[in-house]
Structures are given as C-alpha cells and as structure tokens.
Amino acid sequence: MDTELFLVGNTLLVSFGEELDHHQAGKIKGRIDKTIFGNRVNDVVLDFANTKFMDSSGIGIVIGRYKLMKSVGGSVTIVHAQNQVDRIFELAGVYEYVEKSDNVAGVLEKLEKKEEEKRQ
C-alpha cells in the first residue's frame, strides 16, 4: 500500500504505507506540501498504522511538516505509530513537538471543534 492523502475539512490525513525511507520521502513530502498549500490545510494528522519500517527520512517528514504547520498556526499529530516506529520517534524527541494519539476519529473531532471555535 502506498501513502494516501485525505482531506477532512481543513485537516490533511496522511496514511503511510508499509515502508517509509529515503527512496520515497522526497515524493511524499512534495505531495503533502502541495496538498497543504493548495487546500488551506490548518492541521496535519500522520497515520503510521501500516508502517513497519521507517528510517530517519520519516523523522524529517514529520519535523518538516511540524515547522510548516507551526508557521501558519496549525498542528501535526502522529497516530497509530507501531512499536518500532514509535520508538524511533521517542528516541529522536519528536513527541516533544508533535502530539501522539491512537485514535484518528478522536483527533479529527478535536481539530474540528478547534476550527468551530475559531469561526465564532
């Protein structure tokens, strides 16, 4: 399974495939950034449920999108990071900057409430 991108309101949900390494990272970053800029995305949810292998380029994707979203007042959340992937994020200190969750629906609901509050 390849990486898939879904727009849910103003949130971009990215579902990564089984492997995330330097061979795919550039193309994936480009797709994500193009979607963010082309659709007025406010928040990004990165779903690693299917990811069994990730190298340091995965960290680069997360931190790069964090910096991008922070610059526009948005957020990045990691969901369903499997054991090895979760451990890599933990050791790299990614969770100091990016939220972590095991519930995509809960994260999307929270972000939708945040958007509603902004509109009021």
PDB file of N, CA and C in Angstrom:
ATOM      1  N   MET A   1       0.840  -1.192   0.000  1.00  0.00           N
ATOM      2  CA  MET A   1       0.000   0.000   0.000  1.00  0.00           C
ATOM      3  C   MET A   1       0.876   1.244   0.000  1.00  0.00           C
ATOM      4  N   ASP A   2       0.566   2.171  -0.862  1.00  0.00           N
ATOM      5  CA  ASP A   2       1.293   3.426  -0.940  1.00  0.00           C
ATOM      6  C   ASP A   2       0.704   4.434   0.031  1.00  0.00           C
ATOM      7  N   THR A   3       1.403   5.531   0.183  1.00  0.00           N
ATOM      8  CA  THR A   3       0.923   6.618   1.026  1.00  0.00           C
ATOM      9  C   THR A   3      -0.311   7.242   0.388  1.00  0.00           C
ATOM     10  N   GLU A   4      -1.340   7.448   1.212  1.00  0.00           N
ATOM     11  CA  GLU A   4      -2.589   8.046   0.736  1.00  0.00           C
ATOM     12  C   GLU A   4      -2.860   9.329   1.505  1.00  0.00           C
ATOM     13  N   LEU A   5      -3.413  10.320   0.821  1.00  0.00           N
ATOM     14  CA  LEU A   5      -3.747  11.603   1.423  1.00  0.00           C
ATOM     15  C   LEU A   5      -5.252  11.818   1.330  1.00  0.00           C
ATOM     16  N   PHE A   6      -5.832  12.277   2.441  1.00  0.00           N
ATOM     17  CA  PHE A   6      -7.268  12.534   2.506  1.00  0.00           C
ATOM     18  C   PHE A   6      -7.492  13.898   3.142  1.00  0.00           C
ATOM     19  N   LEU A   7      -8.373  14.699   2.559  1.00  0.00           N
ATOM     20  CA  LEU A   7      -8.775  15.954   3.181  1.00  0.00           C
ATOM     21  C   LEU A   7     -10.053  15.727   3.965  1.00  0.00           C
ATOM     22  N   VAL A   8     -10.024  16.113   5.230  1.00  0.00           N
ATOM     23  CA  VAL A   8     -11.191  16.028   6.102  1.00  0.00           C
ATOM     24  C   VAL A   8     -11.408  17.443   6.622  1.00  0.00           C
ATOM     25  N   GLY A   9     -12.290  18.176   5.966  1.00  0.00           N
ATOM     26  CA  GLY A   9     -12.428  19.596   6.286  1.00  0.00           C
ATOM     27  C   GLY A   9     -11.121  20.302   5.947  1.00  0.00           C
ATOM     28  N   ASN A  10     -10.571  21.019   6.922  1.00  0.00           N
ATOM     29  CA  ASN A  10      -9.290  21.706   6.730  1.00  0.00           C
ATOM     30  C   ASN A  10      -8.124  20.912   7.293  1.00  0.00           C
ATOM     31  N   THR A  11      -8.335  19.632   7.527  1.00  0.00           N
ATOM     32  CA  THR A  11      -7.288  18.757   8.062  1.00  0.00           C
ATOM     33  C   THR A  11      -6.834  17.790   6.979  1.00  0.00           C
ATOM     34  N   LEU A  12      -5.527  17.624   6.880  1.00  0.00           N
ATOM     35  CA  LEU A  12      -4.955  16.646   5.959  1.00  0.00           C
ATOM     36  C   LEU A  12      -4.594  15.395   6.745  1.00  0.00           C
ATOM     37  N   LEU A  13      -5.174  14.272   6.352  1.00  0.00           N
ATOM     38  CA  LEU A  13      -4.863  12.973   6.945  1.00  0.00           C
ATOM     39  C   LEU A  13      -3.961  12.235   5.970  1.00  0.00           C
ATOM     40  N   VAL A  14      -2.758  11.875   6.441  1.00  0.00           N
ATOM     41  CA  VAL A  14      -1.786  11.165   5.615  1.00  0.00           C
ATOM     42  C   VAL A  14      -1.636   9.758   6.171  1.00  0.00           C
ATOM     43  N   SER A  15      -1.953   8.762   5.358  1.00  0.00           N
ATOM     44  CA  SER A  15      -1.826   7.361   5.757  1.00  0.00           C
ATOM     45  C   SER A  15      -0.628   6.771   5.011  1.00  0.00           C
ATOM     46  N   PHE A  16       0.441   6.490   5.768  1.00  0.00           N
ATOM     47  CA  PHE A  16       1.675   5.993   5.159  1.00  0.00           C
ATOM     48  C   PHE A  16       1.587   4.502   4.870  1.00  0.00           C
ATOM     49  N   GLY A  17       2.357   4.059   3.886  1.00  0.00           N
ATOM     50  CA  GLY A  17       2.434   2.648   3.532  1.00  0.00           C
ATOM     51  C   GLY A  17       3.345   1.886   4.479  1.00  0.00           C
ATOM     52  N   GLU A  18       3.690   0.650   4.100  1.00  0.00           N
ATOM     53  CA  GLU A  18       4.478  -0.229   4.965  1.00  0.00           C
ATOM     54  C   GLU A  18       5.891   0.267   5.206  1.00  0.00           C
ATOM     55  N   GLU A  19       6.493   0.909   4.218  1.00  0.00           N
ATOM     56  CA  GLU A  19       7.863   1.390   4.359  1.00  0.00           C
ATOM     57  C   GLU A  19       7.935   2.878   4.061  1.00  0.00           C
ATOM     58  N   LEU A  20       8.702   3.566   4.881  1.00  0.00           N
ATOM     59  CA  LEU A  20       8.936   4.990   4.679  1.00  0.00           C
ATOM     60  C   LEU A  20      10.437   5.208   4.785  1.00  0.00           C
ATOM     61  N   ASP A  21      11.084   5.318   3.631  1.00  0.00           N
ATOM     62  CA  ASP A  21      12.532   5.505   3.628  1.00  0.00           C
ATOM     63  C   ASP A  21      12.914   6.606   2.652  1.00  0.00           C
ATOM     64  N   HIS A  22      14.216   6.846   2.525  1.00  0.00           N
ATOM     65  CA  HIS A  22      14.678   7.966   1.709  1.00  0.00           C
ATOM     66  C   HIS A  22      14.297   7.835   0.239  1.00  0.00           C
ATOM     67  N   HIS A  23      14.009   6.642  -0.226  1.00  0.00           N
ATOM     68  CA  HIS A  23      13.607   6.461  -1.620  1.00  0.00           C
ATOM     69  C   HIS A  23      12.249   7.106  -1.906  1.00  0.00           C
ATOM     70  N   GLN A  24      11.361   7.094  -0.927  1.00  0.00           N
ATOM     71  CA  GLN A  24      10.017   7.658  -1.125  1.00  0.00           C
ATOM     72  C   GLN A  24       9.842   9.042  -0.514  1.00  0.00           C
ATOM     73  N   ALA A  25      10.714   9.412   0.419  1.00  0.00           N
ATOM     74  CA  ALA A  25      10.494  10.609   1.236  1.00  0.00           C
ATOM     75  C   ALA A  25      10.308  11.886   0.419  1.00  0.00           C
ATOM     76  N   GLY A  26      11.147  12.117  -0.564  1.00  0.00           N
ATOM     77  CA  GLY A  26      11.037  13.351  -1.345  1.00  0.00           C
ATOM     78  C   GLY A  26       9.707  13.489  -2.048  1.00  0.00           C
ATOM     79  N   LYS A  27       9.268  12.414  -2.664  1.00  0.00           N
ATOM     80  CA  LYS A  27       7.991  12.429  -3.380  1.00  0.00           C
ATOM     81  C   LYS A  27       6.827  12.633  -2.399  1.00  0.00           C
ATOM     82  N   ILE A  28       6.894  11.953  -1.259  1.00  0.00           N
ATOM     83  CA  ILE A  28       5.827  12.077  -0.264  1.00  0.00           C
ATOM     84  C   ILE A  28       5.777  13.496   0.290  1.00  0.00           C
ATOM     85  N   LYS A  29       6.930  14.068   0.631  1.00  0.00           N
ATOM     86  CA  LYS A  29       6.973  15.450   1.127  1.00  0.00           C
ATOM     87  C   LYS A  29       6.346  16.397   0.113  1.00  0.00           C
ATOM     88  N   GLY A  30       6.689  16.211  -1.152  1.00  0.00           N
ATOM     89  CA  GLY A  30       6.131  17.064  -2.198  1.00  0.00           C
ATOM     90  C   GLY A  30       4.621  16.971  -2.286  1.00  0.00           C
ATOM     91  N   ARG A  31       4.097  15.758  -2.227  1.00  0.00           N
ATOM     92  CA  ARG A  31       2.635  15.566  -2.285  1.00  0.00           C
ATOM     93  C   ARG A  31       1.950  16.216  -1.085  1.00  0.00           C
ATOM     94  N   ILE A  32       2.529  16.015   0.099  1.00  0.00           N
ATOM     95  CA  ILE A  32       1.942  16.591   1.315  1.00  0.00           C
ATOM     96  C   ILE A  32       1.945  18.112   1.227  1.00  0.00           C
ATOM     97  N   ASP A  33       3.100  18.690   0.902  1.00  0.00           N
ATOM     98  CA  ASP A  33       3.207  20.149   0.851  1.00  0.00           C
ATOM     99  C   ASP A  33       2.295  20.749  -0.219  1.00  0.00           C
ATOM    100  N   LYS A  34       2.212  20.111  -1.371  1.00  0.00           N
ATOM    101  CA  LYS A  34       1.326  20.597  -2.434  1.00  0.00           C
ATOM    102  C   LYS A  34      -0.127  20.602  -1.949  1.00  0.00           C
ATOM    103  N   THR A  35      -0.520  19.562  -1.234  1.00  0.00           N
ATOM    104  CA  THR A  35      -1.884  19.483  -0.706  1.00  0.00           C
ATOM    105  C   THR A  35      -2.116  20.541   0.362  1.00  0.00           C
ATOM    106  N   ILE A  36      -1.133  20.748   1.237  1.00  0.00           N
ATOM    107  CA  ILE A  36      -1.259  21.764   2.288  1.00  0.00           C
ATOM    108  C   ILE A  36      -1.464  23.143   1.663  1.00  0.00           C
ATOM    109  N   PHE A  37      -0.597  23.517   0.731  1.00  0.00           N
ATOM    110  CA  PHE A  37      -0.659  24.856   0.140  1.00  0.00           C
ATOM    111  C   PHE A  37      -1.842  25.028  -0.801  1.00  0.00           C
ATOM    112  N   GLY A  38      -2.264  23.969  -1.451  1.00  0.00           N
ATOM    113  CA  GLY A  38      -3.356  24.068  -2.406  1.00  0.00           C
ATOM    114  C   GLY A  38      -4.739  23.994  -1.802  1.00  0.00           C
ATOM    115  N   ASN A  39      -4.830  23.671  -0.522  1.00  0.00           N
ATOM    116  CA  ASN A  39      -6.148  23.449   0.085  1.00  0.00           C
ATOM    117  C   ASN A  39      -6.358  24.149   1.419  1.00  0.00           C
ATOM    118  N   ARG A  40      -5.526  25.096   1.756  1.00  0.00           N
ATOM    119  CA  ARG A  40      -5.673  25.847   3.007  1.00  0.00           C
ATOM    120  C   ARG A  40      -5.797  24.921   4.214  1.00  0.00           C
ATOM    121  N   VAL A  41      -4.907  23.967   4.286  1.00  0.00           N
ATOM    122  CA  VAL A  41      -4.902  22.997   5.381  1.00  0.00           C
ATOM    123  C   VAL A  41      -4.455  23.685   6.668  1.00  0.00           C
ATOM    124  N   ASN A  42      -5.188  23.432   7.762  1.00  0.00           N
ATOM    125  CA  ASN A  42      -4.852  24.005   9.063  1.00  0.00           C
ATOM    126  C   ASN A  42      -4.096  23.033   9.961  1.00  0.00           C
ATOM    127  N   ASP A  43      -4.338  21.736   9.790  1.00  0.00           N
ATOM    128  CA  ASP A  43      -3.725  20.729  10.654  1.00  0.00           C
ATOM    129  C   ASP A  43      -3.411  19.488   9.832  1.00  0.00           C
ATOM    130  N   VAL A  44      -2.405  18.732  10.295  1.00  0.00           N
ATOM    131  CA  VAL A  44      -1.998  17.510   9.613  1.00  0.00           C
ATOM    132  C   VAL A  44      -2.008  16.358  10.608  1.00  0.00           C
ATOM    133  N   VAL A  45      -2.613  15.252  10.215  1.00  0.00           N
ATOM    134  CA  VAL A  45      -2.620  14.022  11.010  1.00  0.00           C
ATOM    135  C   VAL A  45      -1.855  12.975  10.205  1.00  0.00           C
ATOM    136  N   LEU A  46      -0.793  12.435  10.807  1.00  0.00           N
ATOM    137  CA  LEU A  46       0.066  11.455  10.146  1.00  0.00           C
ATOM    138  C   LEU A  46      -0.210  10.081  10.733  1.00  0.00           C
ATOM    139  N   ASP A  47      -0.781   9.198   9.929  1.00  0.00           N
ATOM    140  CA  ASP A  47      -1.196   7.864  10.377  1.00  0.00           C
ATOM    141  C   ASP A  47      -0.148   6.825   9.962  1.00  0.00           C
ATOM    142  N   PHE A  48       0.482   6.221  10.968  1.00  0.00           N
ATOM    143  CA  PHE A  48       1.527   5.223  10.743  1.00  0.00           C
ATOM    144  C   PHE A  48       1.047   3.800  11.027  1.00  0.00           C
ATOM    145  N   ALA A  49      -0.256   3.560  10.983  1.00  0.00           N
ATOM    146  CA  ALA A  49      -0.813   2.243  11.313  1.00  0.00           C
ATOM    147  C   ALA A  49      -0.236   1.126  10.454  1.00  0.00           C
ATOM    148  N   ASN A  50       0.048   1.409   9.194  1.00  0.00           N
ATOM    149  CA  ASN A  50       0.536   0.378   8.275  1.00  0.00           C
ATOM    150  C   ASN A  50       2.057   0.324   8.167  1.00  0.00           C
ATOM    151  N   THR A  51       2.743   1.258   8.812  1.00  0.00           N
ATOM    152  CA  THR A  51       4.184   1.402   8.631  1.00  0.00           C
ATOM    153  C   THR A  51       4.956   0.438   9.524  1.00  0.00           C
ATOM    154  N   LYS A  52       5.695  -0.441   8.878  1.00  0.00           N
ATOM    155  CA  LYS A  52       6.501  -1.442   9.595  1.00  0.00           C
ATOM    156  C   LYS A  52       7.975  -1.041   9.644  1.00  0.00           C
ATOM    157  N   PHE A  53       8.424  -0.250   8.654  1.00  0.00           N
ATOM    158  CA  PHE A  53       9.816   0.187   8.596  1.00  0.00           C
ATOM    159  C   PHE A  53       9.876   1.670   8.266  1.00  0.00           C
ATOM    160  N   MET A  54      10.737   2.380   8.996  1.00  0.00           N
ATOM    161  CA  MET A  54      10.947   3.795   8.733  1.00  0.00           C
ATOM    162  C   MET A  54      12.390   4.132   9.061  1.00  0.00           C
ATOM    163  N   ASP A  55      13.044   4.906   8.192  1.00  0.00           N
ATOM    164  CA  ASP A  55      14.380   5.381   8.520  1.00  0.00           C
ATOM    165  C   ASP A  55      14.295   6.858   8.915  1.00  0.00           C
ATOM    166  N   SER A  56      15.432   7.506   9.044  1.00  0.00           N
ATOM    167  CA  SER A  56      15.453   8.884   9.539  1.00  0.00           C
ATOM    168  C   SER A  56      14.722   9.865   8.627  1.00  0.00           C
ATOM    169  N   SER A  57      14.512   9.517   7.380  1.00  0.00           N
ATOM    170  CA  SER A  57      13.774  10.419   6.496  1.00  0.00           C
ATOM    171  C   SER A  57      12.323  10.578   6.954  1.00  0.00           C
ATOM    172  N   GLY A  58      11.788   9.582   7.649  1.00  0.00           N
ATOM    173  CA  GLY A  58      10.449   9.702   8.225  1.00  0.00           C
ATOM    174  C   GLY A  58      10.405  10.779   9.291  1.00  0.00           C
ATOM    175  N   ILE A  59      11.471  10.851  10.098  1.00  0.00           N
ATOM    176  CA  ILE A  59      11.572  11.912  11.101  1.00  0.00           C
ATOM    177  C   ILE A  59      11.606  13.265  10.393  1.00  0.00           C
ATOM    178  N   GLY A  60      12.348  13.330   9.294  1.00  0.00           N
ATOM    179  CA  GLY A  60      12.423  14.572   8.527  1.00  0.00           C
ATOM    180  C   GLY A  60      11.072  15.017   8.002  1.00  0.00           C
ATOM    181  N   ILE A  61      10.282  14.070   7.532  1.00  0.00           N
ATOM    182  CA  ILE A  61       8.936  14.404   7.054  1.00  0.00           C
ATOM    183  C   ILE A  61       8.108  14.994   8.187  1.00  0.00           C
ATOM    184  N   VAL A  62       8.146  14.357   9.354  1.00  0.00           N
ATOM    185  CA  VAL A  62       7.346  14.821  10.490  1.00  0.00           C
ATOM    186  C   VAL A  62       7.806  16.203  10.954  1.00  0.00           C
ATOM    187  N   ILE A  63       9.099  16.369  11.192  1.00  0.00           N
ATOM    188  CA  ILE A  63       9.603  17.647  11.702  1.00  0.00           C
ATOM    189  C   ILE A  63       9.426  18.762  10.668  1.00  0.00           C
ATOM    190  N   GLY A  64       9.634  18.455   9.407  1.00  0.00           N
ATOM    191  CA  GLY A  64       9.416  19.460   8.364  1.00  0.00           C
ATOM    192  C   GLY A  64       7.982  19.933   8.308  1.00  0.00           C
ATOM    193  N   ARG A  65       7.024  19.002   8.404  1.00  0.00           N
ATOM    194  CA  ARG A  65       5.614  19.385   8.388  1.00  0.00           C
ATOM    195  C   ARG A  65       5.252  20.109   9.680  1.00  0.00           C
ATOM    196  N   TYR A  66       5.880  19.734  10.800  1.00  0.00           N
ATOM    197  CA  TYR A  66       5.654  20.448  12.063  1.00  0.00           C
ATOM    198  C   TYR A  66       6.051  21.922  11.905  1.00  0.00           C
ATOM    199  N   LYS A  67       7.243  22.159  11.368  1.00  0.00           N
ATOM    200  CA  LYS A  67       7.714  23.540  11.193  1.00  0.00           C
ATOM    201  C   LYS A  67       6.788  24.313  10.255  1.00  0.00           C
ATOM    202  N   LEU A  68       6.381  23.671   9.184  1.00  0.00           N
ATOM    203  CA  LEU A  68       5.482  24.309   8.227  1.00  0.00           C
ATOM    204  C   LEU A  68       4.152  24.668   8.883  1.00  0.00           C
ATOM    205  N   MET A  69       3.552  23.716   9.575  1.00  0.00           N
ATOM    206  CA  MET A  69       2.247  23.965  10.182  1.00  0.00           C
ATOM    207  C   MET A  69       2.349  24.963  11.334  1.00  0.00           C
ATOM    208  N   LYS A  70       3.438  24.920  12.083  1.00  0.00           N
ATOM    209  CA  LYS A  70       3.629  25.884  13.169  1.00  0.00           C
ATOM    210  C   LYS A  70       3.678  27.303  12.609  1.00  0.00           C
ATOM    211  N   SER A  71       4.291  27.471  11.449  1.00  0.00           N
ATOM    212  CA  SER A  71       4.421  28.800  10.846  1.00  0.00           C
ATOM    213  C   SER A  71       3.074  29.399  10.443  1.00  0.00           C
ATOM    214  N   VAL A  72       2.057  28.558  10.288  1.00  0.00           N
ATOM    215  CA  VAL A  72       0.725  29.051   9.927  1.00  0.00           C
ATOM    216  C   VAL A  72      -0.287  28.839  11.056  1.00  0.00           C
ATOM    217  N   GLY A  73       0.208  28.534  12.251  1.00  0.00           N
ATOM    218  CA  GLY A  73      -0.672  28.364  13.405  1.00  0.00           C
ATOM    219  C   GLY A  73      -1.383  27.031  13.464  1.00  0.00           C
ATOM    220  N   GLY A  74      -0.895  26.045  12.728  1.00  0.00           N
ATOM    221  CA  GLY A  74      -1.519  24.721  12.713  1.00  0.00           C
ATOM    222  C   GLY A  74      -0.778  23.725  13.583  1.00  0.00           C
ATOM    223  N   SER A  75      -1.156  22.465  13.449  1.00  0.00           N
ATOM    224  CA  SER A  75      -0.559  21.420  14.279  1.00  0.00           C
ATOM    225  C   SER A  75      -0.323  20.155  13.463  1.00  0.00           C
ATOM    226  N   VAL A  76       0.497  19.277  14.034  1.00  0.00           N
ATOM    227  CA  VAL A  76       0.734  17.950  13.471  1.00  0.00           C
ATOM    228  C   VAL A  76       0.512  16.942  14.586  1.00  0.00           C
ATOM    229  N   THR A  77      -0.202  15.872  14.275  1.00  0.00           N
ATOM    230  CA  THR A  77      -0.431  14.786  15.228  1.00  0.00           C
ATOM    231  C   THR A  77      -0.048  13.471  14.575  1.00  0.00           C
ATOM    232  N   ILE A  78       0.673  12.639  15.322  1.00  0.00           N
ATOM    233  CA  ILE A  78       1.026  11.293  14.872  1.00  0.00           C
ATOM    234  C   ILE A  78       0.026  10.323  15.482  1.00  0.00           C
ATOM    235  N   VAL A  79      -0.547   9.453  14.657  1.00  0.00           N
ATOM    236  CA  VAL A  79      -1.462   8.433  15.169  1.00  0.00           C
ATOM    237  C   VAL A  79      -0.993   7.043  14.759  1.00  0.00           C
ATOM    238  N   HIS A  80      -1.321   6.089  15.609  1.00  0.00           N
ATOM    239  CA  HIS A  80      -1.083   4.664  15.347  1.00  0.00           C
ATOM    240  C   HIS A  80       0.363   4.305  15.019  1.00  0.00           C
ATOM    241  N   ALA A  81       1.324   4.969  15.635  1.00  0.00           N
ATOM    242  CA  ALA A  81       2.725   4.601  15.392  1.00  0.00           C
ATOM    243  C   ALA A  81       2.980   3.224  16.006  1.00  0.00           C
ATOM    244  N   GLN A  82       3.393   2.279  15.174  1.00  0.00           N
ATOM    245  CA  GLN A  82       3.681   0.919  15.630  1.00  0.00           C
ATOM    246  C   GLN A  82       4.960   0.908  16.467  1.00  0.00           C
ATOM    247  N   ASN A  83       5.210  -0.185  17.166  1.00  0.00           N
ATOM    248  CA  ASN A  83       6.290  -0.275  18.148  1.00  0.00           C
ATOM    249  C   ASN A  83       7.619   0.311  17.693  1.00  0.00           C
ATOM    250  N   GLN A  84       8.178  -0.197  16.594  1.00  0.00           N
ATOM    251  CA  GLN A  84       9.489   0.278  16.156  1.00  0.00           C
ATOM    252  C   GLN A  84       9.449   1.734  15.718  1.00  0.00           C
ATOM    253  N   VAL A  85       8.429   2.106  15.005  1.00  0.00           N
ATOM    254  CA  VAL A  85       8.290   3.485  14.544  1.00  0.00           C
ATOM    255  C   VAL A  85       8.090   4.413  15.737  1.00  0.00           C
ATOM    256  N   ASP A  86       7.257   4.015  16.672  1.00  0.00           N
ATOM    257  CA  ASP A  86       7.016   4.792  17.885  1.00  0.00           C
ATOM    258  C   ASP A  86       8.318   4.995  18.656  1.00  0.00           C
ATOM    259  N   ARG A  87       9.098   3.955  18.757  1.00  0.00           N
ATOM    260  CA  ARG A  87      10.379   4.022  19.482  1.00  0.00           C
ATOM    261  C   ARG A  87      11.342   4.989  18.796  1.00  0.00           C
ATOM    262  N   ILE A  88      11.380   4.984  17.482  1.00  0.00           N
ATOM    263  CA  ILE A  88      12.232   5.920  16.745  1.00  0.00           C
ATOM    264  C   ILE A  88      11.815   7.358  17.047  1.00  0.00           C
ATOM    265  N   PHE A  89      10.512   7.630  17.009  1.00  0.00           N
ATOM    266  CA  PHE A  89      10.027   8.978  17.316  1.00  0.00           C
ATOM    267  C   PHE A  89      10.371   9.365  18.752  1.00  0.00           C
ATOM    268  N   GLU A  90      10.210   8.421  19.659  1.00  0.00           N
ATOM    269  CA  GLU A  90      10.514   8.667  21.066  1.00  0.00           C
ATOM    270  C   GLU A  90      11.988   9.016  21.255  1.00  0.00           C
ATOM    271  N   LEU A  91      12.873   8.191  20.710  1.00  0.00           N
ATOM    272  CA  LEU A  91      14.314   8.405  20.856  1.00  0.00           C
ATOM    273  C   LEU A  91      14.775   9.705  20.199  1.00  0.00           C
ATOM    274  N   ALA A  92      14.137  10.076  19.113  1.00  0.00           N
ATOM    275  CA  ALA A  92      14.505  11.298  18.398  1.00  0.00           C
ATOM    276  C   ALA A  92      13.922  12.556  19.044  1.00  0.00           C
ATOM    277  N   GLY A  93      13.045  12.395  20.033  1.00  0.00           N
ATOM    278  CA  GLY A  93      12.447  13.541  20.704  1.00  0.00           C
ATOM    279  C   GLY A  93      11.315  14.193  19.933  1.00  0.00           C
ATOM    280  N   VAL A  94      10.769  13.492  18.963  1.00  0.00           N
ATOM    281  CA  VAL A  94       9.701  14.050  18.125  1.00  0.00           C
ATOM    282  C   VAL A  94       8.470  14.405  18.958  1.00  0.00           C
ATOM    283  N   TYR A  95       8.169  13.605  19.972  1.00  0.00           N
ATOM    284  CA  TYR A  95       6.961  13.841  20.761  1.00  0.00           C
ATOM    285  C   TYR A  95       7.064  15.079  21.655  1.00  0.00           C
ATOM    286  N   GLU A  96       8.223  15.712  21.704  1.00  0.00           N
ATOM    287  CA  GLU A  96       8.340  16.995  22.405  1.00  0.00           C
ATOM    288  C   GLU A  96       7.657  18.101  21.604  1.00  0.00           C
ATOM    289  N   TYR A  97       7.491  17.877  20.301  1.00  0.00           N
ATOM    290  CA  TYR A  97       6.933  18.896  19.412  1.00  0.00           C
ATOM    291  C   TYR A  97       5.587  18.507  18.814  1.00  0.00           C
ATOM    292  N   VAL A  98       5.401  17.223  18.602  1.00  0.00           N
ATOM    293  CA  VAL A  98       4.240  16.718  17.875  1.00  0.00           C
ATOM    294  C   VAL A  98       3.391  15.867  18.809  1.00  0.00           C
ATOM    295  N   GLU A  99       2.081  16.061  18.747  1.00  0.00           N
ATOM    296  CA  GLU A  99       1.182  15.253  19.576  1.00  0.00           C
ATOM    297  C   GLU A  99       1.130  13.814  19.083  1.00  0.00           C
ATOM    298  N   LYS A 100       0.760  12.924  19.995  1.00  0.00           N
ATOM    299  CA  LYS A 100       0.662  11.491  19.703  1.00  0.00           C
ATOM    300  C   LYS A 100      -0.715  11.005  20.135  1.00  0.00           C
ATOM    301  N   SER A 101      -1.314  10.138  19.328  1.00  0.00           N
ATOM    302  CA  SER A 101      -2.624   9.584  19.663  1.00  0.00           C
ATOM    303  C   SER A 101      -2.779   8.208  19.030  1.00  0.00           C
ATOM    304  N   ASP A 102      -3.719   7.442  19.545  1.00  0.00           N
ATOM    305  CA  ASP A 102      -4.065   6.152  18.954  1.00  0.00           C
ATOM    306  C   ASP A 102      -5.479   6.165  18.388  1.00  0.00           C
ATOM    307  N   ASN A 103      -6.066   7.364  18.249  1.00  0.00           N
ATOM    308  CA  ASN A 103      -7.464   7.465  17.863  1.00  0.00           C
ATOM    309  C   ASN A 103      -7.644   8.539  16.785  1.00  0.00           C
ATOM    310  N   VAL A 104      -7.662   8.136  15.530  1.00  0.00           N
ATOM    311  CA  VAL A 104      -7.812   9.089  14.423  1.00  0.00           C
ATOM    312  C   VAL A 104      -9.113   9.869  14.558  1.00  0.00           C
ATOM    313  N   ALA A 105     -10.207   9.173  14.812  1.00  0.00           N
ATOM    314  CA  ALA A 105     -11.511   9.839  14.908  1.00  0.00           C
ATOM    315  C   ALA A 105     -11.510  10.878  16.024  1.00  0.00           C
ATOM    316  N   GLY A 106     -10.912  10.543  17.153  1.00  0.00           N
ATOM    317  CA  GLY A 106     -10.834  11.481  18.273  1.00  0.00           C
ATOM    318  C   GLY A 106     -10.031  12.722  17.927  1.00  0.00           C
ATOM    319  N   VAL A 107      -8.920  12.531  17.232  1.00  0.00           N
ATOM    320  CA  VAL A 107      -8.084  13.667  16.816  1.00  0.00           C
ATOM    321  C   VAL A 107      -8.850  14.546  15.835  1.00  0.00           C
ATOM    322  N   LEU A 108      -9.497  13.940  14.846  1.00  0.00           N
ATOM    323  CA  LEU A 108     -10.256  14.714  13.860  1.00  0.00           C
ATOM    324  C   LEU A 108     -11.393  15.486  14.522  1.00  0.00           C
ATOM    325  N   GLU A 109     -12.053  14.868  15.482  1.00  0.00           N
ATOM    326  CA  GLU A 109     -13.138  15.541  16.207  1.00  0.00           C
ATOM    327  C   GLU A 109     -12.598  16.741  16.986  1.00  0.00           C
ATOM    328  N   LYS A 110     -11.480  16.550  17.663  1.00  0.00           N
ATOM    329  CA  LYS A 110     -10.859  17.635  18.433  1.00  0.00           C
ATOM    330  C   LYS A 110     -10.465  18.797  17.520  1.00  0.00           C
ATOM    331  N   LEU A 111      -9.888  18.483  16.369  1.00  0.00           N
ATOM    332  CA  LEU A 111      -9.475  19.527  15.433  1.00  0.00           C
ATOM    333  C   LEU A 111     -10.678  20.254  14.841  1.00  0.00           C
ATOM    334  N   GLU A 112     -11.764  19.533  14.582  1.00  0.00           N
ATOM    335  CA  GLU A 112     -12.984  20.163  14.069  1.00  0.00           C
ATOM    336  C   GLU A 112     -13.560  21.130  15.106  1.00  0.00           C
ATOM    337  N   LYS A 113     -13.546  20.734  16.376  1.00  0.00           N
ATOM    338  CA  LYS A 113     -14.023  21.632  17.443  1.00  0.00           C
ATOM    339  C   LYS A 113     -13.160  22.885  17.509  1.00  0.00           C
ATOM    340  N   LYS A 114     -11.854  22.711  17.350  1.00  0.00           N
ATOM    341  CA  LYS A 114     -10.932  23.852  17.354  1.00  0.00           C
ATOM    342  C   LYS A 114     -11.273  24.812  16.217  1.00  0.00           C
ATOM    343  N   GLU A 115     -11.578  24.269  15.040  1.00  0.00           N
ATOM    344  CA  GLU A 115     -11.944  25.097  13.889  1.00  0.00           C
ATOM    345  C   GLU A 115     -13.261  25.834  14.136  1.00  0.00           C
ATOM    346  N   GLU A 116     -14.225  25.151  14.745  1.00  0.00           N
ATOM    347  CA  GLU A 116     -15.509  25.787  15.050  1.00  0.00           C
ATOM    348  C   GLU A 116     -15.319  26.948  16.012  1.00  0.00           C
ATOM    349  N   GLU A 117     -14.457  26.764  17.018  1.00  0.00           N
ATOM    350  CA  GLU A 117     -14.187  27.833  17.983  1.00  0.00           C
ATOM    351  C   GLU A 117     -13.534  29.033  17.307  1.00  0.00           C
ATOM    352  N   LYS A 118     -12.672  28.796  16.337  1.00  0.00           N
ATOM    353  CA  LYS A 118     -12.024  29.893  15.603  1.00  0.00           C
ATOM    354  C   LYS A 118     -13.049  30.705  14.818  1.00  0.00           C
ATOM    355  N   ARG A 119     -14.060  30.026  14.280  1.00  0.00           N
ATOM    356  CA  ARG A 119     -15.069  30.698  13.455  1.00  0.00           C
ATOM    357  C   ARG A 119     -16.022  31.552  14.280  1.00  0.00           C
ATOM    358  N   GLN A 120     -16.131  31.289  15.566  1.00  0.00           N
ATOM    359  CA  GLN A 120     -17.101  32.019  16.400  1.00  0.00           C
ATOM    360  C   GLN A 120     -16.554  33.327  16.891  1.00  0.00           C
TER     361      GLN A 120
END
